[in-house]
Amino acid sequence: MSGDGMFDRLHDRLGEDHTDSPLTLSDLLDFPDDERAVVRHIMRAKHPERAHEVAAGLGLSTEEFARIVGSLSMRGVVITVDGCLRIAPMQSNARVNPGGVWGKLGDL
């Protein structure tokens, strides 16, 4: 029995997911309240925390927390680095000066 078909299907499915636009910080506003609370807690922590520390800080059960982090992880929002939860790097919209207006005002 060959596993090629399984890997082809997995590759096709992953390929579909990569056609979506990258996640941005403003996308976090559309998350359910429980997921947004976990992301907010991880982002505001003074130092990276382990999963049980985040769950305890939010007063969540282990099962509920595992479900939330699993969902966030599958969407590429949360990653684990050295056993600690971190927010995955996200695309940030850079601000650009429209048409160089500010540079031209300096010549006046």
PDB file of N, CA and C in Angstrom:
ATOM      1  N   MET A   1       0.849  -1.188   0.000  1.00  0.00           N
ATOM      2  CA  MET A   1       0.000   0.000   0.000  1.00  0.00           C
ATOM      3  C   MET A   1       0.886   1.240   0.000  1.00  0.00           C
ATOM      4  N   SER A   2       0.617   2.143  -0.895  1.00  0.00           N
ATOM      5  CA  SER A   2       1.430   3.340  -1.051  1.00  0.00           C
ATOM      6  C   SER A   2       0.788   4.517  -0.319  1.00  0.00           C
ATOM      7  N   GLY A   3       1.609   5.339   0.264  1.00  0.00           N
ATOM      8  CA  GLY A   3       1.116   6.515   0.962  1.00  0.00           C
ATOM      9  C   GLY A   3       1.121   7.750   0.095  1.00  0.00           C
ATOM     10  N   ASP A   4       1.475   7.575  -1.201  1.00  0.00           N
ATOM     11  CA  ASP A   4       1.557   8.741  -2.080  1.00  0.00           C
ATOM     12  C   ASP A   4       0.234   9.493  -2.172  1.00  0.00           C
ATOM     13  N   GLY A   5      -0.878   8.765  -2.268  1.00  0.00           N
ATOM     14  CA  GLY A   5      -2.183   9.419  -2.369  1.00  0.00           C
ATOM     15  C   GLY A   5      -2.489  10.291  -1.170  1.00  0.00           C
ATOM     16  N   MET A   6      -2.131   9.811   0.023  1.00  0.00           N
ATOM     17  CA  MET A   6      -2.380  10.578   1.237  1.00  0.00           C
ATOM     18  C   MET A   6      -1.587  11.883   1.209  1.00  0.00           C
ATOM     19  N   PHE A   7      -0.311  11.811   0.806  1.00  0.00           N
ATOM     20  CA  PHE A   7       0.516  13.010   0.790  1.00  0.00           C
ATOM     21  C   PHE A   7       0.075  13.976  -0.303  1.00  0.00           C
ATOM     22  N   ASP A   8      -0.397  13.434  -1.419  1.00  0.00           N
ATOM     23  CA  ASP A   8      -0.917  14.300  -2.474  1.00  0.00           C
ATOM     24  C   ASP A   8      -2.143  15.061  -1.993  1.00  0.00           C
ATOM     25  N   ARG A   9      -3.052  14.356  -1.301  1.00  0.00           N
ATOM     26  CA  ARG A   9      -4.250  15.018  -0.786  1.00  0.00           C
ATOM     27  C   ARG A   9      -3.876  16.072   0.258  1.00  0.00           C
ATOM     28  N   LEU A  10      -2.917  15.757   1.115  1.00  0.00           N
ATOM     29  CA  LEU A  10      -2.476  16.712   2.130  1.00  0.00           C
ATOM     30  C   LEU A  10      -1.854  17.935   1.465  1.00  0.00           C
ATOM     31  N   HIS A  11      -1.015  17.703   0.458  1.00  0.00           N
ATOM     32  CA  HIS A  11      -0.374  18.813  -0.253  1.00  0.00           C
ATOM     33  C   HIS A  11      -1.420  19.696  -0.921  1.00  0.00           C
ATOM     34  N   ASP A  12      -2.429  19.055  -1.547  1.00  0.00           N
ATOM     35  CA  ASP A  12      -3.483  19.822  -2.200  1.00  0.00           C
ATOM     36  C   ASP A  12      -4.245  20.673  -1.203  1.00  0.00           C
ATOM     37  N   ARG A  13      -4.528  20.091  -0.041  1.00  0.00           N
ATOM     38  CA  ARG A  13      -5.275  20.838   0.970  1.00  0.00           C
ATOM     39  C   ARG A  13      -4.436  21.997   1.524  1.00  0.00           C
ATOM     40  N   LEU A  14      -3.157  21.748   1.793  1.00  0.00           N
ATOM     41  CA  LEU A  14      -2.297  22.828   2.280  1.00  0.00           C
ATOM     42  C   LEU A  14      -2.143  23.909   1.231  1.00  0.00           C
ATOM     43  N   GLY A  15      -2.077  23.500  -0.023  1.00  0.00           N
ATOM     44  CA  GLY A  15      -1.987  24.467  -1.108  1.00  0.00           C
ATOM     45  C   GLY A  15      -3.185  25.395  -1.143  1.00  0.00           C
ATOM     46  N   GLU A  16      -4.366  24.860  -0.843  1.00  0.00           N
ATOM     47  CA  GLU A  16      -5.568  25.685  -0.808  1.00  0.00           C
ATOM     48  C   GLU A  16      -5.487  26.716   0.306  1.00  0.00           C
ATOM     49  N   ASP A  17      -4.947  26.313   1.450  1.00  0.00           N
ATOM     50  CA  ASP A  17      -4.869  27.230   2.588  1.00  0.00           C
ATOM     51  C   ASP A  17      -3.913  28.386   2.330  1.00  0.00           C
ATOM     52  N   HIS A  18      -2.901  28.168   1.515  1.00  0.00           N
ATOM     53  CA  HIS A  18      -1.911  29.211   1.273  1.00  0.00           C
ATOM     54  C   HIS A  18      -2.410  30.272   0.308  1.00  0.00           C
ATOM     55  N   THR A  19      -3.566  30.068  -0.306  1.00  0.00           N
ATOM     56  CA  THR A  19      -4.097  31.076  -1.214  1.00  0.00           C
ATOM     57  C   THR A  19      -4.755  32.211  -0.445  1.00  0.00           C
ATOM     58  N   ASP A  20      -5.076  31.991   0.816  1.00  0.00           N
ATOM     59  CA  ASP A  20      -5.685  33.049   1.621  1.00  0.00           C
ATOM     60  C   ASP A  20      -4.651  34.115   1.948  1.00  0.00           C
ATOM     61  N   SER A  21      -5.142  35.316   2.229  1.00  0.00           N
ATOM     62  CA  SER A  21      -4.221  36.375   2.609  1.00  0.00           C
ATOM     63  C   SER A  21      -3.667  36.078   3.998  1.00  0.00           C
ATOM     64  N   PRO A  22      -2.448  36.536   4.282  1.00  0.00           N
ATOM     65  CA  PRO A  22      -1.851  36.267   5.591  1.00  0.00           C
ATOM     66  C   PRO A  22      -2.648  36.923   6.716  1.00  0.00           C
ATOM     67  N   LEU A  23      -2.550  36.340   7.881  1.00  0.00           N
ATOM     68  CA  LEU A  23      -3.245  36.845   9.058  1.00  0.00           C
ATOM     69  C   LEU A  23      -2.626  38.165   9.500  1.00  0.00           C
ATOM     70  N   THR A  24      -3.463  39.115   9.849  1.00  0.00           N
ATOM     71  CA  THR A  24      -2.991  40.401  10.361  1.00  0.00           C
ATOM     72  C   THR A  24      -3.538  40.602  11.765  1.00  0.00           C
ATOM     73  N   LEU A  25      -2.997  41.578  12.479  1.00  0.00           N
ATOM     74  CA  LEU A  25      -3.461  41.849  13.840  1.00  0.00           C
ATOM     75  C   LEU A  25      -4.931  42.250  13.869  1.00  0.00           C
ATOM     76  N   SER A  26      -5.398  42.929  12.851  1.00  0.00           N
ATOM     77  CA  SER A  26      -6.806  43.328  12.845  1.00  0.00           C
ATOM     78  C   SER A  26      -7.741  42.122  12.698  1.00  0.00           C
ATOM     79  N   ASP A  27      -7.237  41.007  12.167  1.00  0.00           N
ATOM     80  CA  ASP A  27      -8.046  39.789  12.066  1.00  0.00           C
ATOM     81  C   ASP A  27      -8.391  39.239  13.450  1.00  0.00           C
ATOM     82  N   LEU A  28      -7.581  39.559  14.455  1.00  0.00           N
ATOM     83  CA  LEU A  28      -7.835  39.062  15.808  1.00  0.00           C
ATOM     84  C   LEU A  28      -9.162  39.578  16.356  1.00  0.00           C
ATOM     85  N   LEU A  29      -9.623  40.703  15.850  1.00  0.00           N
ATOM     86  CA  LEU A  29     -10.888  41.269  16.320  1.00  0.00           C
ATOM     87  C   LEU A  29     -12.078  40.391  15.957  1.00  0.00           C
ATOM     88  N   ASP A  30     -11.928  39.566  14.933  1.00  0.00           N
ATOM     89  CA  ASP A  30     -13.020  38.691  14.498  1.00  0.00           C
ATOM     90  C   ASP A  30     -13.029  37.353  15.222  1.00  0.00           C
ATOM     91  N   PHE A  31     -12.047  37.086  16.053  1.00  0.00           N
ATOM     92  CA  PHE A  31     -11.973  35.813  16.778  1.00  0.00           C
ATOM     93  C   PHE A  31     -13.063  35.742  17.836  1.00  0.00           C
ATOM     94  N   PRO A  32     -13.494  34.528  18.192  1.00  0.00           N
ATOM     95  CA  PRO A  32     -14.420  34.373  19.322  1.00  0.00           C
ATOM     96  C   PRO A  32     -13.782  34.910  20.612  1.00  0.00           C
ATOM     97  N   ASP A  33     -14.616  35.253  21.574  1.00  0.00           N
ATOM     98  CA  ASP A  33     -14.125  35.873  22.811  1.00  0.00           C
ATOM     99  C   ASP A  33     -13.074  35.033  23.522  1.00  0.00           C
ATOM    100  N   ASP A  34     -13.276  33.712  23.601  1.00  0.00           N
ATOM    101  CA  ASP A  34     -12.314  32.880  24.326  1.00  0.00           C
ATOM    102  C   ASP A  34     -10.954  32.846  23.625  1.00  0.00           C
ATOM    103  N   GLU A  35     -10.946  32.779  22.298  1.00  0.00           N
ATOM    104  CA  GLU A  35      -9.681  32.778  21.567  1.00  0.00           C
ATOM    105  C   GLU A  35      -8.997  34.133  21.669  1.00  0.00           C
ATOM    106  N   ARG A  36      -9.775  35.203  21.572  1.00  0.00           N
ATOM    107  CA  ARG A  36      -9.214  36.548  21.684  1.00  0.00           C
ATOM    108  C   ARG A  36      -8.604  36.766  23.064  1.00  0.00           C
ATOM    109  N   ALA A  37      -9.225  36.223  24.108  1.00  0.00           N
ATOM    110  CA  ALA A  37      -8.693  36.361  25.468  1.00  0.00           C
ATOM    111  C   ALA A  37      -7.347  35.655  25.598  1.00  0.00           C
ATOM    112  N   VAL A  38      -7.226  34.459  25.006  1.00  0.00           N
ATOM    113  CA  VAL A  38      -5.958  33.725  25.071  1.00  0.00           C
ATOM    114  C   VAL A  38      -4.867  34.494  24.323  1.00  0.00           C
ATOM    115  N   VAL A  39      -5.182  34.970  23.124  1.00  0.00           N
ATOM    116  CA  VAL A  39      -4.191  35.722  22.341  1.00  0.00           C
ATOM    117  C   VAL A  39      -3.780  36.985  23.075  1.00  0.00           C
ATOM    118  N   ARG A  40      -4.744  37.694  23.636  1.00  0.00           N
ATOM    119  CA  ARG A  40      -4.445  38.928  24.377  1.00  0.00           C
ATOM    120  C   ARG A  40      -3.535  38.636  25.572  1.00  0.00           C
ATOM    121  N   HIS A  41      -3.828  37.547  26.293  1.00  0.00           N
ATOM    122  CA  HIS A  41      -3.015  37.190  27.456  1.00  0.00           C
ATOM    123  C   HIS A  41      -1.571  36.885  27.041  1.00  0.00           C
ATOM    124  N   ILE A  42      -1.411  36.123  25.964  1.00  0.00           N
ATOM    125  CA  ILE A  42      -0.066  35.773  25.499  1.00  0.00           C
ATOM    126  C   ILE A  42       0.673  37.017  25.035  1.00  0.00           C
ATOM    127  N   MET A  43      -0.016  37.904  24.331  1.00  0.00           N
ATOM    128  CA  MET A  43       0.632  39.116  23.822  1.00  0.00           C
ATOM    129  C   MET A  43       1.057  40.055  24.949  1.00  0.00           C
ATOM    130  N   ARG A  44       0.269  40.113  26.012  1.00  0.00           N
ATOM    131  CA  ARG A  44       0.548  41.077  27.086  1.00  0.00           C
ATOM    132  C   ARG A  44       1.454  40.529  28.190  1.00  0.00           C
ATOM    133  N   ALA A  45       1.787  39.255  28.118  1.00  0.00           N
ATOM    134  CA  ALA A  45       2.632  38.663  29.165  1.00  0.00           C
ATOM    135  C   ALA A  45       4.016  39.323  29.151  1.00  0.00           C
ATOM    136  N   LYS A  46       4.557  39.554  30.336  1.00  0.00           N
ATOM    137  CA  LYS A  46       5.873  40.197  30.442  1.00  0.00           C
ATOM    138  C   LYS A  46       6.991  39.276  29.966  1.00  0.00           C
ATOM    139  N   HIS A  47       6.755  37.963  30.056  1.00  0.00           N
ATOM    140  CA  HIS A  47       7.722  36.973  29.586  1.00  0.00           C
ATOM    141  C   HIS A  47       6.933  35.799  29.016  1.00  0.00           C
ATOM    142  N   PRO A  48       7.521  35.041  28.103  1.00  0.00           N
ATOM    143  CA  PRO A  48       6.790  33.893  27.544  1.00  0.00           C
ATOM    144  C   PRO A  48       6.366  32.913  28.641  1.00  0.00           C
ATOM    145  N   GLU A  49       5.117  32.460  28.569  1.00  0.00           N
ATOM    146  CA  GLU A  49       4.565  31.561  29.579  1.00  0.00           C
ATOM    147  C   GLU A  49       4.273  30.194  28.988  1.00  0.00           C
ATOM    148  N   ARG A  50       4.321  29.179  29.835  1.00  0.00           N
ATOM    149  CA  ARG A  50       3.962  27.828  29.422  1.00  0.00           C
ATOM    150  C   ARG A  50       2.434  27.722  29.384  1.00  0.00           C
ATOM    151  N   ALA A  51       1.945  26.693  28.715  1.00  0.00           N
ATOM    152  CA  ALA A  51       0.507  26.539  28.511  1.00  0.00           C
ATOM    153  C   ALA A  51      -0.261  26.512  29.827  1.00  0.00           C
ATOM    154  N   HIS A  52       0.238  25.762  30.820  1.00  0.00           N
ATOM    155  CA  HIS A  52      -0.494  25.668  32.096  1.00  0.00           C
ATOM    156  C   HIS A  52      -0.536  27.007  32.813  1.00  0.00           C
ATOM    157  N   GLU A  53       0.479  27.855  32.620  1.00  0.00           N
ATOM    158  CA  GLU A  53       0.486  29.178  33.247  1.00  0.00           C
ATOM    159  C   GLU A  53      -0.569  30.085  32.609  1.00  0.00           C
ATOM    160  N   VAL A  54      -0.673  30.015  31.284  1.00  0.00           N
ATOM    161  CA  VAL A  54      -1.682  30.825  30.591  1.00  0.00           C
ATOM    162  C   VAL A  54      -3.083  30.360  30.982  1.00  0.00           C
ATOM    163  N   ALA A  55      -3.292  29.047  31.004  1.00  0.00           N
ATOM    164  CA  ALA A  55      -4.606  28.503  31.382  1.00  0.00           C
ATOM    165  C   ALA A  55      -4.980  28.930  32.797  1.00  0.00           C
ATOM    166  N   ALA A  56      -4.036  28.844  33.722  1.00  0.00           N
ATOM    167  CA  ALA A  56      -4.307  29.246  35.107  1.00  0.00           C
ATOM    168  C   ALA A  56      -4.589  30.744  35.186  1.00  0.00           C
ATOM    169  N   GLY A  57      -3.843  31.537  34.432  1.00  0.00           N
ATOM    170  CA  GLY A  57      -4.046  32.983  34.433  1.00  0.00           C
ATOM    171  C   GLY A  57      -5.411  33.388  33.922  1.00  0.00           C
ATOM    172  N   LEU A  58      -5.977  32.581  33.032  1.00  0.00           N
ATOM    173  CA  LEU A  58      -7.299  32.880  32.482  1.00  0.00           C
ATOM    174  C   LEU A  58      -8.419  32.120  33.180  1.00  0.00           C
ATOM    175  N   GLY A  59      -8.049  31.213  34.090  1.00  0.00           N
ATOM    176  CA  GLY A  59      -9.049  30.427  34.809  1.00  0.00           C
ATOM    177  C   GLY A  59      -9.766  29.416  33.930  1.00  0.00           C
ATOM    178  N   LEU A  60      -9.064  28.859  32.942  1.00  0.00           N
ATOM    179  CA  LEU A  60      -9.654  27.882  32.027  1.00  0.00           C
ATOM    180  C   LEU A  60      -9.263  26.466  32.420  1.00  0.00           C
ATOM    181  N   SER A  61     -10.136  25.517  32.140  1.00  0.00           N
ATOM    182  CA  SER A  61      -9.804  24.114  32.378  1.00  0.00           C
ATOM    183  C   SER A  61      -8.790  23.666  31.328  1.00  0.00           C
ATOM    184  N   THR A  62      -8.098  22.583  31.616  1.00  0.00           N
ATOM    185  CA  THR A  62      -7.091  22.065  30.694  1.00  0.00           C
ATOM    186  C   THR A  62      -7.709  21.683  29.361  1.00  0.00           C
ATOM    187  N   GLU A  63      -8.876  21.037  29.387  1.00  0.00           N
ATOM    188  CA  GLU A  63      -9.535  20.607  28.156  1.00  0.00           C
ATOM    189  C   GLU A  63      -9.973  21.793  27.306  1.00  0.00           C
ATOM    190  N   GLU A  64     -10.569  22.779  27.951  1.00  0.00           N
ATOM    191  CA  GLU A  64     -11.030  23.958  27.230  1.00  0.00           C
ATOM    192  C   GLU A  64      -9.850  24.723  26.641  1.00  0.00           C
ATOM    193  N   PHE A  65      -8.785  24.859  27.431  1.00  0.00           N
ATOM    194  CA  PHE A  65      -7.608  25.579  26.967  1.00  0.00           C
ATOM    195  C   PHE A  65      -6.951  24.841  25.801  1.00  0.00           C
ATOM    196  N   ALA A  66      -6.874  23.515  25.877  1.00  0.00           N
ATOM    197  CA  ALA A  66      -6.287  22.717  24.792  1.00  0.00           C
ATOM    198  C   ALA A  66      -7.076  22.897  23.503  1.00  0.00           C
ATOM    199  N   ARG A  67      -8.398  22.962  23.600  1.00  0.00           N
ATOM    200  CA  ARG A  67      -9.235  23.173  22.416  1.00  0.00           C
ATOM    201  C   ARG A  67      -8.961  24.530  21.789  1.00  0.00           C
ATOM    202  N   ILE A  68      -8.873  25.556  22.623  1.00  0.00           N
ATOM    203  CA  ILE A  68      -8.653  26.916  22.126  1.00  0.00           C
ATOM    204  C   ILE A  68      -7.273  27.036  21.485  1.00  0.00           C
ATOM    205  N   VAL A  69      -6.247  26.562  22.179  1.00  0.00           N
ATOM    206  CA  VAL A  69      -4.883  26.669  21.653  1.00  0.00           C
ATOM    207  C   VAL A  69      -4.729  25.805  20.401  1.00  0.00           C
ATOM    208  N   GLY A  70      -5.379  24.650  20.366  1.00  0.00           N
ATOM    209  CA  GLY A  70      -5.336  23.812  19.171  1.00  0.00           C
ATOM    210  C   GLY A  70      -5.915  24.526  17.968  1.00  0.00           C
ATOM    211  N   SER A  71      -7.029  25.196  18.159  1.00  0.00           N
ATOM    212  CA  SER A  71      -7.651  25.954  17.071  1.00  0.00           C
ATOM    213  C   SER A  71      -6.754  27.090  16.607  1.00  0.00           C
ATOM    214  N   LEU A  72      -6.185  27.815  17.563  1.00  0.00           N
ATOM    215  CA  LEU A  72      -5.281  28.926  17.210  1.00  0.00           C
ATOM    216  C   LEU A  72      -4.022  28.418  16.529  1.00  0.00           C
ATOM    217  N   SER A  73      -3.512  27.302  16.986  1.00  0.00           N
ATOM    218  CA  SER A  73      -2.313  26.722  16.405  1.00  0.00           C
ATOM    219  C   SER A  73      -2.545  26.254  14.972  1.00  0.00           C
ATOM    220  N   MET A  74      -3.689  25.637  14.727  1.00  0.00           N
ATOM    221  CA  MET A  74      -3.999  25.153  13.378  1.00  0.00           C
ATOM    222  C   MET A  74      -4.144  26.305  12.380  1.00  0.00           C
ATOM    223  N   ARG A  75      -4.529  27.470  12.867  1.00  0.00           N
ATOM    224  CA  ARG A  75      -4.651  28.639  11.992  1.00  0.00           C
ATOM    225  C   ARG A  75      -3.359  29.440  11.910  1.00  0.00           C
ATOM    226  N   GLY A  76      -2.321  28.997  12.638  1.00  0.00           N
ATOM    227  CA  GLY A  76      -1.031  29.672  12.567  1.00  0.00           C
ATOM    228  C   GLY A  76      -0.936  30.934  13.390  1.00  0.00           C
ATOM    229  N   VAL A  77      -1.769  31.044  14.431  1.00  0.00           N
ATOM    230  CA  VAL A  77      -1.759  32.238  15.275  1.00  0.00           C
ATOM    231  C   VAL A  77      -0.796  32.063  16.443  1.00  0.00           C
ATOM    232  N   VAL A  78      -0.806  30.881  17.047  1.00  0.00           N
ATOM    233  CA  VAL A  78       0.009  30.592  18.231  1.00  0.00           C
ATOM    234  C   VAL A  78       1.028  29.509  17.875  1.00  0.00           C
ATOM    235  N   ILE A  79       2.250  29.694  18.348  1.00  0.00           N
ATOM    236  CA  ILE A  79       3.294  28.684  18.176  1.00  0.00           C
ATOM    237  C   ILE A  79       3.907  28.382  19.537  1.00  0.00           C
ATOM    238  N   THR A  80       4.589  27.249  19.629  1.00  0.00           N
ATOM    239  CA  THR A  80       5.294  26.888  20.856  1.00  0.00           C
ATOM    240  C   THR A  80       6.785  26.969  20.586  1.00  0.00           C
ATOM    241  N   VAL A  81       7.483  27.736  21.414  1.00  0.00           N
ATOM    242  CA  VAL A  81       8.933  27.881  21.301  1.00  0.00           C
ATOM    243  C   VAL A  81       9.532  27.565  22.662  1.00  0.00           C
ATOM    244  N   ASP A  82      10.356  26.540  22.714  1.00  0.00           N
ATOM    245  CA  ASP A  82      10.988  26.105  23.967  1.00  0.00           C
ATOM    246  C   ASP A  82       9.961  25.850  25.064  1.00  0.00           C
ATOM    247  N   GLY A  83       8.821  25.287  24.691  1.00  0.00           N
ATOM    248  CA  GLY A  83       7.791  24.944  25.656  1.00  0.00           C
ATOM    249  C   GLY A  83       6.896  26.097  26.072  1.00  0.00           C
ATOM    250  N   CYS A  84       7.133  27.282  25.527  1.00  0.00           N
ATOM    251  CA  CYS A  84       6.329  28.459  25.866  1.00  0.00           C
ATOM    252  C   CYS A  84       5.475  28.878  24.680  1.00  0.00           C
ATOM    253  N   LEU A  85       4.294  29.391  24.976  1.00  0.00           N
ATOM    254  CA  LEU A  85       3.395  29.864  23.926  1.00  0.00           C
ATOM    255  C   LEU A  85       3.790  31.261  23.481  1.00  0.00           C
ATOM    256  N   ARG A  86       3.788  31.456  22.170  1.00  0.00           N
ATOM    257  CA  ARG A  86       4.079  32.767  21.598  1.00  0.00           C
ATOM    258  C   ARG A  86       3.135  33.011  20.439  1.00  0.00           C
ATOM    259  N   ILE A  87       2.950  34.269  20.116  1.00  0.00           N
ATOM    260  CA  ILE A  87       2.167  34.637  18.954  1.00  0.00           C
ATOM    261  C   ILE A  87       3.065  34.475  17.735  1.00  0.00           C
ATOM    262  N   ALA A  88       2.543  33.822  16.707  1.00  0.00           N
ATOM    263  CA  ALA A  88       3.311  33.643  15.475  1.00  0.00           C
ATOM    264  C   ALA A  88       3.504  34.997  14.803  1.00  0.00           C
ATOM    265  N   PRO A  89       4.612  35.165  14.106  1.00  0.00           N
ATOM    266  CA  PRO A  89       4.808  36.431  13.381  1.00  0.00           C
ATOM    267  C   PRO A  89       3.653  36.672  12.410  1.00  0.00           C
ATOM    268  N   MET A  90       3.177  37.902  12.371  1.00  0.00           N
ATOM    269  CA  MET A  90       2.057  38.257  11.511  1.00  0.00           C
ATOM    270  C   MET A  90       2.474  39.365  10.568  1.00  0.00           C
ATOM    271  N   GLN A  91       1.707  39.488   9.503  1.00  0.00           N
ATOM    272  CA  GLN A  91       1.976  40.553   8.547  1.00  0.00           C
ATOM    273  C   GLN A  91       1.486  41.862   9.134  1.00  0.00           C
ATOM    274  N   SER A  92       2.315  42.879   9.012  1.00  0.00           N
ATOM    275  CA  SER A  92       1.901  44.183   9.491  1.00  0.00           C
ATOM    276  C   SER A  92       1.832  45.130   8.304  1.00  0.00           C
ATOM    277  N   ASN A  93       0.800  45.940   8.260  1.00  0.00           N
ATOM    278  CA  ASN A  93       0.647  46.897   7.169  1.00  0.00           C
ATOM    279  C   ASN A  93       1.503  48.113   7.464  1.00  0.00           C
ATOM    280  N   ALA A  94       2.509  48.320   6.627  1.00  0.00           N
ATOM    281  CA  ALA A  94       3.407  49.460   6.829  1.00  0.00           C
ATOM    282  C   ALA A  94       2.746  50.730   6.292  1.00  0.00           C
ATOM    283  N   ARG A  95       3.006  51.796   6.967  1.00  0.00           N
ATOM    284  CA  ARG A  95       2.474  53.076   6.500  1.00  0.00           C
ATOM    285  C   ARG A  95       3.476  53.708   5.534  1.00  0.00           C
ATOM    286  N   VAL A  96       2.959  54.182   4.461  1.00  0.00           N
ATOM    287  CA  VAL A  96       3.797  54.851   3.474  1.00  0.00           C
ATOM    288  C   VAL A  96       3.233  56.237   3.223  1.00  0.00           C
ATOM    289  N   ASN A  97       4.109  57.174   3.018  1.00  0.00           N
ATOM    290  CA  ASN A  97       3.653  58.525   2.719  1.00  0.00           C
ATOM    291  C   ASN A  97       3.084  58.544   1.305  1.00  0.00           C
ATOM    292  N   PRO A  98       1.866  59.035   1.128  1.00  0.00           N
ATOM    293  CA  PRO A  98       1.256  59.022  -0.197  1.00  0.00           C
ATOM    294  C   PRO A  98       1.944  59.989  -1.155  1.00  0.00           C
ATOM    295  N   GLY A  99       2.578  59.447  -2.176  1.00  0.00           N
ATOM    296  CA  GLY A  99       3.164  60.263  -3.239  1.00  0.00           C
ATOM    297  C   GLY A  99       4.303  61.159  -2.816  1.00  0.00           C
ATOM    298  N   GLY A 100       4.868  60.966  -1.650  1.00  0.00           N
ATOM    299  CA  GLY A 100       5.995  61.801  -1.225  1.00  0.00           C
ATOM    300  C   GLY A 100       5.601  63.236  -0.916  1.00  0.00           C
ATOM    301  N   VAL A 101       4.347  63.450  -0.510  1.00  0.00           N
ATOM    302  CA  VAL A 101       3.849  64.804  -0.240  1.00  0.00           C
ATOM    303  C   VAL A 101       4.670  65.489   0.845  1.00  0.00           C
ATOM    304  N   TRP A 102       4.981  64.780   1.925  1.00  0.00           N
ATOM    305  CA  TRP A 102       5.676  65.401   3.057  1.00  0.00           C
ATOM    306  C   TRP A 102       7.075  65.851   2.661  1.00  0.00           C
ATOM    307  N   GLY A 103       7.727  65.116   1.793  1.00  0.00           N
ATOM    308  CA  GLY A 103       9.063  65.523   1.342  1.00  0.00           C
ATOM    309  C   GLY A 103       9.019  66.782   0.503  1.00  0.00           C
ATOM    310  N   LYS A 104       7.974  66.941  -0.287  1.00  0.00           N
ATOM    311  CA  LYS A 104       7.843  68.135  -1.139  1.00  0.00           C
ATOM    312  C   LYS A 104       7.472  69.365  -0.331  1.00  0.00           C
ATOM    313  N   LEU A 105       6.785  69.195   0.788  1.00  0.00           N
ATOM    314  CA  LEU A 105       6.427  70.339   1.620  1.00  0.00           C
ATOM    315  C   LEU A 105       7.646  70.971   2.256  1.00  0.00           C
ATOM    316  N   GLY A 106       8.705  70.190   2.446  1.00  0.00           N
ATOM    317  CA  GLY A 106       9.922  70.724   3.032  1.00  0.00           C
ATOM    318  C   GLY A 106      10.618  71.731   2.130  1.00  0.00           C
ATOM    319  N   ASP A 107      10.313  71.728   0.831  1.00  0.00           N
ATOM    320  CA  ASP A 107      10.938  72.655  -0.118  1.00  0.00           C
ATOM    321  C   ASP A 107      10.270  74.015  -0.125  1.00  0.00           C
ATOM    322  N   LEU A 108       9.133  74.169   0.526  1.00  0.00           N
ATOM    323  CA  LEU A 108       8.413  75.436   0.491  1.00  0.00           C
ATOM    324  C   LEU A 108       9.078  76.518   1.274  1.00  0.00           C
TER     325      LEU A 108
END
